[in-house]
N, C-alpha and C. Protein backbone atom coordinates (compact mmCIF):
# COMPACT_ATOMS: atom_id res chain seq x y z
N MET A 1 35.77 -72.04 -132.60
CA MET A 1 37.07 -71.28 -132.87
C MET A 1 38.01 -71.33 -131.58
N ALA A 2 39.23 -71.76 -131.70
CA ALA A 2 40.19 -71.85 -130.58
C ALA A 2 40.70 -70.55 -130.31
N LYS A 3 41.22 -70.37 -129.07
CA LYS A 3 41.85 -69.13 -128.63
C LYS A 3 42.98 -68.67 -129.57
N ASP A 4 43.75 -69.77 -130.11
CA ASP A 4 44.97 -69.51 -130.96
C ASP A 4 44.54 -68.89 -132.29
N ASP A 5 43.36 -68.99 -132.68
CA ASP A 5 42.81 -68.53 -133.99
C ASP A 5 42.53 -67.04 -134.06
N LYS A 6 42.67 -66.30 -132.93
CA LYS A 6 42.24 -64.98 -132.85
C LYS A 6 43.26 -64.12 -133.62
N LYS A 7 42.93 -63.02 -134.26
CA LYS A 7 43.84 -62.09 -134.90
C LYS A 7 44.74 -61.46 -133.89
N PRO A 8 46.05 -61.30 -134.18
CA PRO A 8 47.04 -60.66 -133.39
C PRO A 8 46.47 -59.30 -132.95
N ALA A 9 46.80 -58.75 -131.77
CA ALA A 9 46.41 -57.44 -131.27
C ALA A 9 47.13 -56.34 -132.18
N LEU A 10 46.44 -55.31 -132.44
CA LEU A 10 47.00 -54.25 -133.11
C LEU A 10 47.98 -53.56 -132.21
N PRO A 11 48.97 -52.86 -132.77
CA PRO A 11 50.07 -52.09 -132.03
C PRO A 11 49.26 -50.98 -131.30
N GLU A 12 49.86 -50.65 -130.16
CA GLU A 12 49.26 -49.50 -129.33
C GLU A 12 49.80 -48.21 -129.98
N ILE A 13 48.78 -47.32 -130.18
CA ILE A 13 49.10 -45.90 -130.78
C ILE A 13 48.70 -44.94 -129.79
N GLU A 14 49.51 -43.83 -129.63
CA GLU A 14 49.11 -42.72 -128.75
C GLU A 14 48.31 -41.69 -129.59
N PHE A 15 47.11 -41.35 -129.05
CA PHE A 15 46.33 -40.31 -129.59
C PHE A 15 46.23 -39.12 -128.61
N TYR A 16 45.71 -37.98 -129.12
CA TYR A 16 45.54 -36.81 -128.37
C TYR A 16 44.07 -36.31 -128.55
N ASP A 17 43.22 -36.20 -127.38
CA ASP A 17 41.96 -35.84 -127.39
C ASP A 17 41.90 -34.37 -127.34
N LEU A 18 41.46 -33.69 -128.36
CA LEU A 18 41.42 -32.22 -128.46
C LEU A 18 40.39 -31.64 -127.43
N LYS A 19 39.34 -32.31 -127.25
CA LYS A 19 38.23 -31.76 -126.33
C LYS A 19 38.72 -31.79 -124.87
N SER A 20 39.25 -33.05 -124.52
CA SER A 20 39.65 -33.15 -123.08
C SER A 20 41.17 -32.63 -122.83
N LYS A 21 41.81 -32.43 -123.92
CA LYS A 21 43.20 -31.99 -123.90
C LYS A 21 44.14 -33.03 -123.16
N LYS A 22 43.93 -34.31 -123.47
CA LYS A 22 44.76 -35.33 -122.80
C LYS A 22 45.14 -36.40 -123.89
N LYS A 23 46.29 -36.87 -123.63
CA LYS A 23 46.82 -38.04 -124.39
C LYS A 23 46.33 -39.40 -123.92
N PHE A 24 46.15 -40.26 -124.78
CA PHE A 24 45.72 -41.59 -124.42
C PHE A 24 46.25 -42.54 -125.37
N LYS A 25 46.43 -43.87 -124.99
CA LYS A 25 46.84 -44.94 -125.91
C LYS A 25 45.65 -45.91 -126.12
N SER A 26 45.73 -46.46 -127.36
CA SER A 26 44.63 -47.33 -127.76
C SER A 26 45.22 -48.38 -128.64
N THR A 27 44.67 -49.64 -128.49
CA THR A 27 44.93 -50.68 -129.43
C THR A 27 43.75 -51.07 -130.31
N SER A 28 42.72 -50.23 -130.13
CA SER A 28 41.47 -50.43 -130.87
C SER A 28 41.28 -49.23 -131.83
N TRP A 29 41.87 -49.40 -133.05
CA TRP A 29 41.85 -48.29 -134.04
C TRP A 29 41.59 -48.84 -135.39
N ARG A 30 41.42 -48.06 -136.32
CA ARG A 30 41.36 -48.41 -137.77
C ARG A 30 42.16 -47.40 -138.66
N LEU A 31 42.55 -47.75 -139.73
CA LEU A 31 43.24 -46.98 -140.72
C LEU A 31 42.33 -46.42 -141.66
N VAL A 32 42.43 -45.17 -141.95
CA VAL A 32 41.60 -44.45 -142.96
C VAL A 32 42.49 -43.52 -143.78
N GLU A 33 42.16 -43.65 -145.08
CA GLU A 33 42.98 -42.85 -146.25
C GLU A 33 42.09 -41.89 -146.77
N LYS A 34 42.48 -40.62 -146.74
CA LYS A 34 41.70 -39.53 -147.22
C LYS A 34 42.55 -38.58 -147.97
N SER A 35 42.22 -38.39 -149.22
CA SER A 35 42.99 -37.37 -150.04
C SER A 35 44.41 -37.72 -150.12
N GLY A 36 44.88 -38.92 -150.09
CA GLY A 36 46.25 -39.31 -150.12
C GLY A 36 46.91 -39.33 -148.83
N ARG A 37 46.24 -38.93 -147.69
CA ARG A 37 46.89 -38.92 -146.42
C ARG A 37 46.31 -40.07 -145.52
N ASN A 38 47.19 -40.57 -144.60
CA ASN A 38 46.80 -41.73 -143.84
C ASN A 38 46.46 -41.25 -142.35
N PHE A 39 45.46 -41.82 -141.84
CA PHE A 39 45.13 -41.46 -140.41
C PHE A 39 44.79 -42.67 -139.62
N ALA A 40 45.04 -42.77 -138.37
CA ALA A 40 44.63 -43.78 -137.41
C ALA A 40 43.34 -43.13 -136.70
N VAL A 41 42.27 -43.82 -136.64
CA VAL A 41 41.04 -43.36 -136.01
C VAL A 41 40.58 -44.25 -134.95
N THR A 42 40.23 -43.62 -133.74
CA THR A 42 39.67 -44.40 -132.62
C THR A 42 38.67 -43.60 -131.92
N LYS A 43 37.93 -44.28 -131.09
CA LYS A 43 36.87 -43.64 -130.21
C LYS A 43 37.39 -42.94 -129.05
N SER A 44 36.93 -41.75 -128.64
CA SER A 44 37.48 -41.07 -127.52
C SER A 44 37.08 -41.83 -126.22
N LEU A 45 37.98 -41.63 -125.23
CA LEU A 45 37.74 -42.31 -123.93
C LEU A 45 36.74 -41.48 -123.11
N THR A 46 36.54 -40.21 -123.42
CA THR A 46 35.67 -39.33 -122.66
C THR A 46 34.36 -38.98 -123.31
N GLY A 47 34.20 -39.29 -124.60
CA GLY A 47 32.91 -38.96 -125.29
C GLY A 47 32.58 -39.92 -126.28
N ASP A 48 31.56 -39.54 -127.06
CA ASP A 48 31.14 -40.51 -128.19
C ASP A 48 31.56 -39.87 -129.62
N TYR A 49 32.70 -39.35 -129.61
CA TYR A 49 33.32 -38.84 -130.84
C TYR A 49 34.63 -39.56 -131.11
N GLU A 50 35.09 -39.24 -132.30
CA GLU A 50 36.50 -39.94 -132.79
C GLU A 50 37.63 -39.13 -132.55
N CYS A 51 38.81 -39.65 -132.42
CA CYS A 51 39.98 -39.04 -132.40
C CYS A 51 40.79 -39.52 -133.54
N TRP A 52 41.40 -38.59 -134.35
CA TRP A 52 42.17 -38.94 -135.68
C TRP A 52 43.58 -38.50 -135.36
N LYS A 53 44.56 -39.34 -135.76
CA LYS A 53 46.01 -39.11 -135.73
C LYS A 53 46.53 -39.16 -137.19
N VAL A 54 47.30 -38.15 -137.52
CA VAL A 54 47.91 -38.16 -138.87
C VAL A 54 49.05 -39.03 -138.81
N LEU A 55 49.15 -39.94 -139.82
CA LEU A 55 50.41 -40.99 -139.89
C LEU A 55 51.22 -40.49 -141.02
N GLY A 56 52.48 -40.61 -140.78
CA GLY A 56 53.48 -40.52 -141.89
C GLY A 56 53.37 -41.64 -142.79
N LYS A 57 54.02 -41.60 -144.03
CA LYS A 57 53.97 -42.57 -145.02
C LYS A 57 54.62 -43.90 -144.49
N ASP A 58 55.76 -43.86 -143.87
CA ASP A 58 56.41 -45.06 -143.33
C ASP A 58 55.60 -45.75 -142.24
N GLN A 59 55.09 -44.87 -141.32
CA GLN A 59 54.32 -45.45 -140.26
C GLN A 59 53.02 -46.11 -140.68
N ALA A 60 52.38 -45.41 -141.70
CA ALA A 60 51.23 -46.02 -142.21
C ALA A 60 51.39 -47.36 -142.99
N ALA A 61 52.50 -47.44 -143.63
CA ALA A 61 52.86 -48.66 -144.31
C ALA A 61 53.15 -49.76 -143.36
N GLN A 62 53.87 -49.51 -142.18
CA GLN A 62 54.18 -50.45 -141.17
C GLN A 62 52.83 -50.80 -140.43
N LEU A 63 51.89 -49.95 -140.18
CA LEU A 63 50.75 -50.38 -139.52
C LEU A 63 49.73 -51.09 -140.40
N LYS A 64 49.77 -50.89 -141.74
CA LYS A 64 48.91 -51.60 -142.60
C LYS A 64 49.35 -53.11 -142.61
N LYS A 65 50.70 -53.30 -142.56
CA LYS A 65 51.18 -54.77 -142.33
C LYS A 65 50.62 -55.43 -141.15
N ALA A 66 50.54 -54.67 -140.10
CA ALA A 66 50.24 -55.26 -138.72
C ALA A 66 48.72 -55.35 -138.66
N ALA A 67 48.01 -54.56 -139.42
CA ALA A 67 46.49 -54.62 -139.24
C ALA A 67 45.89 -55.75 -140.07
């Protein structure tokens, strides 16, 4: 597989870690839909837990195209 065949990088999203009370940005995330709401989910930088970010309808649609 050539270097040009890689998937494009995901857009950078800002998350807030509730346990460490700090903001951070990540390009390594996944989209999750629960009960009709959309979330971006990534691993925390400080622990082995996940950080979830609620996405608006427009932002979720835009990120689904990018993912």
